[in-house]
Amino acid sequence: KLRHEIGVCPGSAKETLYRQLSGRLLQSQ
């Protein structure tokens, strides 16, 4: 879901948060 959202809104403030959340998800995975 986060990967999809990153592609939908590149360059926005949300993208940075999506990438941070995605990184934490990957660490937990």
PDB file of all heavy atoms in Angstrom:
ATOM      1  N   LYS A   1       0.831  -1.202   0.000  1.00  0.00           N
ATOM      2  CA  LYS A   1       0.000   0.000   0.000  1.00  0.00           C
ATOM      3  C   LYS A   1       0.869   1.258   0.000  1.00  0.00           C
ATOM      4  O   LYS A   1       0.611   2.203  -0.748  1.00  0.00           O
ATOM      5  CB  LYS A   1      -0.917  -0.010   1.224  1.00  0.00           C
ATOM      6  CG  LYS A   1      -1.904   1.119   1.262  1.00  0.00           C
ATOM      7  CD  LYS A   1      -2.864   0.953   2.423  1.00  0.00           C
ATOM      8  CE  LYS A   1      -3.931   2.032   2.386  1.00  0.00           C
ATOM      9  NZ  LYS A   1      -4.925   1.858   3.428  1.00  0.00           N
ATOM     10  N   LEU A   2       1.912   1.271   0.827  1.00  0.00           N
ATOM     11  CA  LEU A   2       2.794   2.433   0.884  1.00  0.00           C
ATOM     12  C   LEU A   2       3.564   2.615  -0.427  1.00  0.00           C
ATOM     13  O   LEU A   2       3.749   3.741  -0.884  1.00  0.00           O
ATOM     14  CB  LEU A   2       3.757   2.325   2.056  1.00  0.00           C
ATOM     15  CG  LEU A   2       3.139   2.594   3.425  1.00  0.00           C
ATOM     16  CD1 LEU A   2       4.141   2.285   4.533  1.00  0.00           C
ATOM     17  CD2 LEU A   2       2.664   4.021   3.543  1.00  0.00           C
ATOM     18  N   ARG A   3       4.007   1.532  -1.023  1.00  0.00           N
ATOM     19  CA  ARG A   3       4.712   1.638  -2.313  1.00  0.00           C
ATOM     20  C   ARG A   3       3.808   2.245  -3.378  1.00  0.00           C
ATOM     21  O   ARG A   3       4.245   3.049  -4.199  1.00  0.00           O
ATOM     22  CB  ARG A   3       5.222   0.273  -2.757  1.00  0.00           C
ATOM     23  CG  ARG A   3       6.429  -0.161  -1.987  1.00  0.00           C
ATOM     24  CD  ARG A   3       6.978  -1.456  -2.494  1.00  0.00           C
ATOM     25  NE  ARG A   3       8.119  -1.854  -1.686  1.00  0.00           N
ATOM     26  CZ  ARG A   3       8.578  -3.078  -1.628  1.00  0.00           C
ATOM     27  NH1 ARG A   3       8.021  -4.027  -2.344  1.00  0.00           N
ATOM     28  NH2 ARG A   3       9.608  -3.356  -0.871  1.00  0.00           N
ATOM     29  N   HIS A   4       2.545   1.850  -3.356  1.00  0.00           N
ATOM     30  CA  HIS A   4       1.588   2.439  -4.290  1.00  0.00           C
ATOM     31  C   HIS A   4       1.443   3.932  -4.032  1.00  0.00           C
ATOM     32  O   HIS A   4       1.456   4.735  -4.969  1.00  0.00           O
ATOM     33  CB  HIS A   4       0.231   1.749  -4.160  1.00  0.00           C
ATOM     34  CG  HIS A   4      -0.858   2.443  -4.913  1.00  0.00           C
ATOM     35  ND1 HIS A   4      -0.961   2.385  -6.283  1.00  0.00           N
ATOM     36  CD2 HIS A   4      -1.858   3.238  -4.491  1.00  0.00           C
ATOM     37  CE1 HIS A   4      -1.989   3.113  -6.665  1.00  0.00           C
ATOM     38  NE2 HIS A   4      -2.564   3.639  -5.595  1.00  0.00           N
ATOM     39  N   GLU A   5       1.315   4.307  -2.775  1.00  0.00           N
ATOM     40  CA  GLU A   5       1.143   5.717  -2.422  1.00  0.00           C
ATOM     41  C   GLU A   5       2.373   6.550  -2.795  1.00  0.00           C
ATOM     42  O   GLU A   5       2.235   7.707  -3.190  1.00  0.00           O
ATOM     43  CB  GLU A   5       0.848   5.871  -0.929  1.00  0.00           C
ATOM     44  CG  GLU A   5      -0.494   5.313  -0.506  1.00  0.00           C
ATOM     45  CD  GLU A   5      -1.676   6.058  -1.099  1.00  0.00           C
ATOM     46  OE1 GLU A   5      -1.583   7.275  -1.320  1.00  0.00           O
ATOM     47  OE2 GLU A   5      -2.709   5.413  -1.349  1.00  0.00           O
ATOM     48  N   ILE A   6       3.558   5.979  -2.676  1.00  0.00           N
ATOM     49  CA  ILE A   6       4.777   6.696  -3.062  1.00  0.00           C
ATOM     50  C   ILE A   6       4.728   7.036  -4.553  1.00  0.00           C
ATOM     51  O   ILE A   6       5.090   8.130  -4.966  1.00  0.00           O
ATOM     52  CB  ILE A   6       6.037   5.871  -2.723  1.00  0.00           C
ATOM     53  CG1 ILE A   6       6.241   5.851  -1.201  1.00  0.00           C
ATOM     54  CG2 ILE A   6       7.272   6.441  -3.418  1.00  0.00           C
ATOM     55  CD1 ILE A   6       7.301   4.874  -0.733  1.00  0.00           C
ATOM     56  N   GLY A   7       4.240   6.110  -5.356  1.00  0.00           N
ATOM     57  CA  GLY A   7       4.137   6.344  -6.788  1.00  0.00           C
ATOM     58  C   GLY A   7       3.061   7.356  -7.163  1.00  0.00           C
ATOM     59  O   GLY A   7       3.156   8.040  -8.168  1.00  0.00           O
ATOM     60  N   VAL A   8       2.034   7.468  -6.320  1.00  0.00           N
ATOM     61  CA  VAL A   8       0.917   8.366  -6.604  1.00  0.00           C
ATOM     62  C   VAL A   8       1.281   9.827  -6.361  1.00  0.00           C
ATOM     63  O   VAL A   8       0.835  10.717  -7.072  1.00  0.00           O
ATOM     64  CB  VAL A   8      -0.317   7.976  -5.747  1.00  0.00           C
ATOM     65  CG1 VAL A   8      -1.403   9.024  -5.843  1.00  0.00           C
ATOM     66  CG2 VAL A   8      -0.837   6.621  -6.179  1.00  0.00           C
ATOM     67  N   CYS A   9       2.095  10.083  -5.356  1.00  0.00           N
ATOM     68  CA  CYS A   9       2.369  11.486  -4.990  1.00  0.00           C
ATOM     69  C   CYS A   9       3.868  11.749  -4.865  1.00  0.00           C
ATOM     70  O   CYS A   9       4.349  12.100  -3.786  1.00  0.00           O
ATOM     71  CB  CYS A   9       1.652  11.847  -3.705  1.00  0.00           C
ATOM     72  SG  CYS A   9       2.147  10.854  -2.304  1.00  0.00           S
ATOM     73  N   PRO A  10       4.626  11.592  -5.952  1.00  0.00           N
ATOM     74  CA  PRO A  10       6.068  11.850  -5.866  1.00  0.00           C
ATOM     75  C   PRO A  10       6.352  13.330  -5.576  1.00  0.00           C
ATOM     76  O   PRO A  10       5.645  14.213  -6.052  1.00  0.00           O
ATOM     77  CB  PRO A  10       6.586  11.444  -7.236  1.00  0.00           C
ATOM     78  CG  PRO A  10       5.415  11.572  -8.137  1.00  0.00           C
ATOM     79  CD  PRO A  10       4.203  11.258  -7.296  1.00  0.00           C
ATOM     80  N   GLY A  11       7.356  13.557  -4.754  1.00  0.00           N
ATOM     81  CA  GLY A  11       7.791  14.915  -4.467  1.00  0.00           C
ATOM     82  C   GLY A  11       7.001  15.642  -3.409  1.00  0.00           C
ATOM     83  O   GLY A  11       7.302  16.779  -3.078  1.00  0.00           O
ATOM     84  N   SER A  12       5.993  15.013  -2.843  1.00  0.00           N
ATOM     85  CA  SER A  12       5.192  15.693  -1.833  1.00  0.00           C
ATOM     86  C   SER A  12       5.756  15.423  -0.435  1.00  0.00           C
ATOM     87  O   SER A  12       6.612  14.568  -0.240  1.00  0.00           O
ATOM     88  CB  SER A  12       3.739  15.220  -1.895  1.00  0.00           C
ATOM     89  OG  SER A  12       3.635  13.902  -1.415  1.00  0.00           O
ATOM     90  N   ALA A  13       5.233  16.157   0.538  1.00  0.00           N
ATOM     91  CA  ALA A  13       5.649  15.943   1.926  1.00  0.00           C
ATOM     92  C   ALA A  13       5.231  14.558   2.397  1.00  0.00           C
ATOM     93  O   ALA A  13       5.922  13.937   3.208  1.00  0.00           O
ATOM     94  CB  ALA A  13       5.037  17.012   2.825  1.00  0.00           C
ATOM     95  N   LYS A  14       4.113  14.080   1.868  1.00  0.00           N
ATOM     96  CA  LYS A  14       3.649  12.749   2.259  1.00  0.00           C
ATOM     97  C   LYS A  14       4.629  11.671   1.792  1.00  0.00           C
ATOM     98  O   LYS A  14       4.793  10.665   2.462  1.00  0.00           O
ATOM     99  CB  LYS A  14       2.270  12.468   1.676  1.00  0.00           C
ATOM    100  CG  LYS A  14       1.147  13.161   2.394  1.00  0.00           C
ATOM    101  CD  LYS A  14      -0.177  12.716   1.812  1.00  0.00           C
ATOM    102  CE  LYS A  14      -1.337  13.313   2.558  1.00  0.00           C
ATOM    103  NZ  LYS A  14      -2.622  12.847   2.018  1.00  0.00           N
ATOM    104  N   GLU A  15       5.259  11.887   0.647  1.00  0.00           N
ATOM    105  CA  GLU A  15       6.190  10.877   0.119  1.00  0.00           C
ATOM    106  C   GLU A  15       7.307  10.597   1.113  1.00  0.00           C
ATOM    107  O   GLU A  15       7.684   9.442   1.325  1.00  0.00           O
ATOM    108  CB  GLU A  15       6.786  11.315  -1.208  1.00  0.00           C
ATOM    109  CG  GLU A  15       7.736  10.272  -1.772  1.00  0.00           C
ATOM    110  CD  GLU A  15       8.509  10.733  -2.987  1.00  0.00           C
ATOM    111  OE1 GLU A  15       8.468  11.925  -3.325  1.00  0.00           O
ATOM    112  OE2 GLU A  15       9.180   9.884  -3.588  1.00  0.00           O
ATOM    113  N   THR A  16       7.819  11.645   1.740  1.00  0.00           N
ATOM    114  CA  THR A  16       8.889  11.467   2.727  1.00  0.00           C
ATOM    115  C   THR A  16       8.407  10.603   3.880  1.00  0.00           C
ATOM    116  O   THR A  16       9.096   9.676   4.310  1.00  0.00           O
ATOM    117  CB  THR A  16       9.358  12.837   3.258  1.00  0.00           C
ATOM    118  OG1 THR A  16       9.786  13.619   2.147  1.00  0.00           O
ATOM    119  CG2 THR A  16      10.493  12.686   4.242  1.00  0.00           C
ATOM    120  N   LEU A  17       7.210  10.883   4.367  1.00  0.00           N
ATOM    121  CA  LEU A  17       6.656  10.084   5.461  1.00  0.00           C
ATOM    122  C   LEU A  17       6.393   8.652   5.014  1.00  0.00           C
ATOM    123  O   LEU A  17       6.671   7.709   5.746  1.00  0.00           O
ATOM    124  CB  LEU A  17       5.374  10.726   5.989  1.00  0.00           C
ATOM    125  CG  LEU A  17       4.726  10.041   7.185  1.00  0.00           C
ATOM    126  CD1 LEU A  17       5.710   9.901   8.348  1.00  0.00           C
ATOM    127  CD2 LEU A  17       3.502  10.806   7.638  1.00  0.00           C
ATOM    128  N   TYR A  18       5.873   8.485   3.793  1.00  0.00           N
ATOM    129  CA  TYR A  18       5.651   7.138   3.268  1.00  0.00           C
ATOM    130  C   TYR A  18       6.950   6.344   3.234  1.00  0.00           C
ATOM    131  O   TYR A  18       6.992   5.171   3.591  1.00  0.00           O
ATOM    132  CB  TYR A  18       5.074   7.185   1.849  1.00  0.00           C
ATOM    133  CG  TYR A  18       3.677   7.732   1.719  1.00  0.00           C
ATOM    134  CD1 TYR A  18       3.287   8.387   0.567  1.00  0.00           C
ATOM    135  CD2 TYR A  18       2.735   7.595   2.731  1.00  0.00           C
ATOM    136  CE1 TYR A  18       2.009   8.894   0.417  1.00  0.00           C
ATOM    137  CE2 TYR A  18       1.458   8.099   2.595  1.00  0.00           C
ATOM    138  CZ  TYR A  18       1.097   8.749   1.437  1.00  0.00           C
ATOM    139  OH  TYR A  18      -0.165   9.246   1.284  1.00  0.00           O
ATOM    140  N   ARG A  19       8.009   6.994   2.793  1.00  0.00           N
ATOM    141  CA  ARG A  19       9.307   6.305   2.710  1.00  0.00           C
ATOM    142  C   ARG A  19       9.830   5.936   4.106  1.00  0.00           C
ATOM    143  O   ARG A  19      10.393   4.859   4.299  1.00  0.00           O
ATOM    144  CB  ARG A  19      10.316   7.157   1.959  1.00  0.00           C
ATOM    145  CG  ARG A  19      10.013   7.251   0.486  1.00  0.00           C
ATOM    146  CD  ARG A  19      11.138   7.887  -0.304  1.00  0.00           C
ATOM    147  NE  ARG A  19      10.777   8.054  -1.699  1.00  0.00           N
ATOM    148  CZ  ARG A  19      10.814   7.082  -2.609  1.00  0.00           C
ATOM    149  NH1 ARG A  19      11.197   5.877  -2.268  1.00  0.00           N
ATOM    150  NH2 ARG A  19      10.473   7.325  -3.857  1.00  0.00           N
ATOM    151  N   GLN A  20       9.637   6.817   5.083  1.00  0.00           N
ATOM    152  CA  GLN A  20      10.065   6.515   6.452  1.00  0.00           C
ATOM    153  C   GLN A  20       9.274   5.346   7.020  1.00  0.00           C
ATOM    154  O   GLN A  20       9.839   4.422   7.615  1.00  0.00           O
ATOM    155  CB  GLN A  20       9.901   7.741   7.349  1.00  0.00           C
ATOM    156  CG  GLN A  20      10.873   8.850   7.043  1.00  0.00           C
ATOM    157  CD  GLN A  20      10.550  10.115   7.817  1.00  0.00           C
ATOM    158  OE1 GLN A  20       9.519  10.232   8.466  1.00  0.00           O
ATOM    159  NE2 GLN A  20      11.444  11.086   7.739  1.00  0.00           N
ATOM    160  N   LEU A  21       7.959   5.381   6.825  1.00  0.00           N
ATOM    161  CA  LEU A  21       7.122   4.287   7.314  1.00  0.00           C
ATOM    162  C   LEU A  21       7.475   2.982   6.609  1.00  0.00           C
ATOM    163  O   LEU A  21       7.548   1.930   7.238  1.00  0.00           O
ATOM    164  CB  LEU A  21       5.642   4.616   7.106  1.00  0.00           C
ATOM    165  CG  LEU A  21       5.054   5.723   7.967  1.00  0.00           C
ATOM    166  CD1 LEU A  21       3.624   6.004   7.544  1.00  0.00           C
ATOM    167  CD2 LEU A  21       5.125   5.375   9.439  1.00  0.00           C
ATOM    168  N   SER A  22       7.704   3.065   5.311  1.00  0.00           N
ATOM    169  CA  SER A  22       8.065   1.880   4.540  1.00  0.00           C
ATOM    170  C   SER A  22       9.374   1.274   5.046  1.00  0.00           C
ATOM    171  O   SER A  22       9.499   0.052   5.170  1.00  0.00           O
ATOM    172  CB  SER A  22       8.170   2.242   3.059  1.00  0.00           C
ATOM    173  OG  SER A  22       8.449   1.107   2.291  1.00  0.00           O
ATOM    174  N   GLY A  23      10.346   2.119   5.366  1.00  0.00           N
ATOM    175  CA  GLY A  23      11.613   1.630   5.910  1.00  0.00           C
ATOM    176  C   GLY A  23      11.434   0.920   7.235  1.00  0.00           C
ATOM    177  O   GLY A  23      12.027  -0.135   7.474  1.00  0.00           O
ATOM    178  N   ARG A  24      10.603   1.483   8.099  1.00  0.00           N
ATOM    179  CA  ARG A  24      10.347   0.846   9.393  1.00  0.00           C
ATOM    180  C   ARG A  24       9.595  -0.470   9.212  1.00  0.00           C
ATOM    181  O   ARG A  24       9.860  -1.452   9.924  1.00  0.00           O
ATOM    182  CB  ARG A  24       9.570   1.786  10.304  1.00  0.00           C
ATOM    183  CG  ARG A  24      10.426   2.949  10.777  1.00  0.00           C
ATOM    184  CD  ARG A  24       9.670   3.932  11.602  1.00  0.00           C
ATOM    185  NE  ARG A  24       9.215   3.345  12.867  1.00  0.00           N
ATOM    186  CZ  ARG A  24       8.296   3.906  13.641  1.00  0.00           C
ATOM    187  NH1 ARG A  24       7.750   5.052  13.294  1.00  0.00           N
ATOM    188  NH2 ARG A  24       7.936   3.330  14.767  1.00  0.00           N
ATOM    189  N   LEU A  25       8.662  -0.507   8.254  1.00  0.00           N
ATOM    190  CA  LEU A  25       7.956  -1.754   7.970  1.00  0.00           C
ATOM    191  C   LEU A  25       8.926  -2.827   7.497  1.00  0.00           C
ATOM    192  O   LEU A  25       8.843  -3.983   7.919  1.00  0.00           O
ATOM    193  CB  LEU A  25       6.877  -1.524   6.906  1.00  0.00           C
ATOM    194  CG  LEU A  25       5.608  -0.800   7.330  1.00  0.00           C
ATOM    195  CD1 LEU A  25       4.743  -0.489   6.116  1.00  0.00           C
ATOM    196  CD2 LEU A  25       4.833  -1.611   8.334  1.00  0.00           C
ATOM    197  N   LEU A  26       9.833  -2.454   6.623  1.00  0.00           N
ATOM    198  CA  LEU A  26      10.808  -3.422   6.112  1.00  0.00           C
ATOM    199  C   LEU A  26      11.722  -3.943   7.218  1.00  0.00           C
ATOM    200  O   LEU A  26      12.063  -5.127   7.244  1.00  0.00           O
ATOM    201  CB  LEU A  26      11.623  -2.807   4.975  1.00  0.00           C
ATOM    202  CG  LEU A  26      10.856  -2.582   3.679  1.00  0.00           C
ATOM    203  CD1 LEU A  26      11.713  -1.823   2.671  1.00  0.00           C
ATOM    204  CD2 LEU A  26      10.386  -3.897   3.094  1.00  0.00           C
ATOM    205  N   GLN A  27      12.113  -3.066   8.150  1.00  0.00           N
ATOM    206  CA  GLN A  27      12.930  -3.521   9.276  1.00  0.00           C
ATOM    207  C   GLN A  27      12.170  -4.534  10.119  1.00  0.00           C
ATOM    208  O   GLN A  27      12.727  -5.565  10.527  1.00  0.00           O
ATOM    209  CB  GLN A  27      13.344  -2.334  10.155  1.00  0.00           C
ATOM    210  CG  GLN A  27      14.404  -1.469   9.546  1.00  0.00           C
ATOM    211  CD  GLN A  27      14.721  -0.273  10.435  1.00  0.00           C
ATOM    212  OE1 GLN A  27      13.845   0.257  11.110  1.00  0.00           O
ATOM    213  NE2 GLN A  27      15.974   0.140  10.429  1.00  0.00           N
ATOM    214  N   SER A  28      10.899  -4.253  10.373  1.00  0.00           N
ATOM    215  CA  SER A  28      10.088  -5.186  11.156  1.00  0.00           C
ATOM    216  C   SER A  28       9.888  -6.493  10.405  1.00  0.00           C
ATOM    217  O   SER A  28       9.933  -7.577  10.997  1.00  0.00           O
ATOM    218  CB  SER A  28       8.731  -4.560  11.489  1.00  0.00           C
ATOM    219  OG  SER A  28       8.893  -3.449  12.332  1.00  0.00           O
ATOM    220  N   GLN A  29       9.692  -6.407   9.085  1.00  0.00           N
ATOM    221  CA  GLN A  29       9.559  -7.612   8.272  1.00  0.00           C
ATOM    222  C   GLN A  29      10.816  -8.464   8.356  1.00  0.00           C
ATOM    223  O   GLN A  29      10.742  -9.688   8.498  1.00  0.00           O
ATOM    224  CB  GLN A  29       9.319  -7.241   6.813  1.00  0.00           C
ATOM    225  CG  GLN A  29       7.899  -7.189   6.414  1.00  0.00           C
ATOM    226  CD  GLN A  29       7.761  -6.924   4.931  1.00  0.00           C
ATOM    227  OE1 GLN A  29       8.447  -6.070   4.373  1.00  0.00           O
ATOM    228  NE2 GLN A  29       6.866  -7.632   4.299  1.00  0.00           N
TER     229      GLN A  29
END
